């Protein structure tokens, strides 16, 4: 239980910075939806979907690989693991930069829509290259348990990014109305997508410069044998991550090509992309958990009660995930204003996206068995299976049902890989999960959600009050059955002080 408390404490710290970053990033969605057109938001959605895929290839699974190998060597040799990982990722990044910067004009017509300019692509490529390189210094900070420095650089980047976007999209248009000569040398009315990318480029560039301090004092040594082992271990992880990320973003990539009306495809994608962002709250929860769970998973594996701890973590993970689902869906009448009213047509995708993302989050939690047993190829098999299902469903149903087909396809694909991972995992690394509790909380959550949706309450404040009572029932069950407030880090310290 002590280890679980430690994980919860680390999740609180890492999660705090991660959630803060995501919350600040959330400001981008209303900013974009209120200040750029739907088709422009569709372009942004499409570009960042491609960026997500390229990011997986560039990072090459080396974050997980770093944790895997750094915990197998004595403290004095951990610098060698760090520097070897840096050399590997630097080589991948340089190769990527050379290929795309040289051949971008030839590649462009075969991959991207004609509305996407070459300058957009070049900036995305540079941003991704910097992001990939600094993933290893960030992993080093996590390994060294330096969450505050980790959080500082994460928050710095996103605050600067948001500030620059506000300047280009909000301030500059107002200056242009009164004193256009002040900004005529750098600002153009029809280049809003470009300014979003320029903002990202500047913010990521400064973040990268700041993290270069992590290279100071490191004794660099490249271990060829270790590099071979890391590449062998990480390559299946990269393929798995690529297939997994494809499950998350492939609909936003193929939508413009499959949607029957080319004139409105980017606008429809913009509506879907904006409402999908609301479901990112579940991803935010998963990401916060992951930052603490990766090092915990490998460290805990050395101990006898590891499987018991993994089971306990899974229970609380699902319980909190369901609470996130209820919180978002119950208060959607308020949350929906993070997008402009013209995007409200896409709100029905939100519950589907949230539950699909919870399935994927559970799958990530289950993935520990093939990471710990070095059978990472199974991750590729699962993710590829889900990817194929999502592709097929999107091609079949987008022409008829539009972006609703995208949401249901992701739901089905994520549900499939979650089930496959569990049943295969029980053969190679059996863990006794507390299904009694898991199904109890799932049943209660779905019952409360059904009551909320099926009970007509016209008045907004009465409806919110009614749903607050419903979510209080779930929280009360959690506290009385499985979670004493005194078990939560910081809260238990506060209680002890009050008692004294």
Foldseek 3Di string as FASTA:
>chain_A
DVLLQVLLVLLCLLLVLLVLLLVLVLLVLALCQVQDALLLLLVVLQLVLVLQLVLLVLLLQVLLLLLQVLVVDDPVCSLASLQQSLVVSLVSLVVQLVVCVVCVVVCDVVAHDPVDDSLLVNLSSLLSSLVSNCSSLLSVCLVVVPSVVSSVLSNQLSVQLSVQLCCQRPVLVVCCVPPVVVCVVPHDPPCSSVSSSVSNSVSSVVSSVVSCVSVPPRDYDHDPVSSVVSSLLSNLVSLLSSLQSCLVRVLSRCQCVQAPDVVCSSSLSSLQSSLLSLLCLLVSSLVSSVSSVSSSLSVLVVDDCSLVSLQVVLLVLLLVLLLSLLVCLLVVVPVVSSHDPVSVVNNVLNSLSSLLSSLLSLLVSLQSLCSNVSVSNVSSVLSNVLSVQLVVQSNVPCHPPNCSSNSNSSSVSSNRSSVVSQVVSCVRPNHDHPVVSSVVSVVLSVVLSCCLVVDDDPDPVVSSVVSVVSSVVSVVCCCVPPNPQCSRPPSVVVVVVVVD
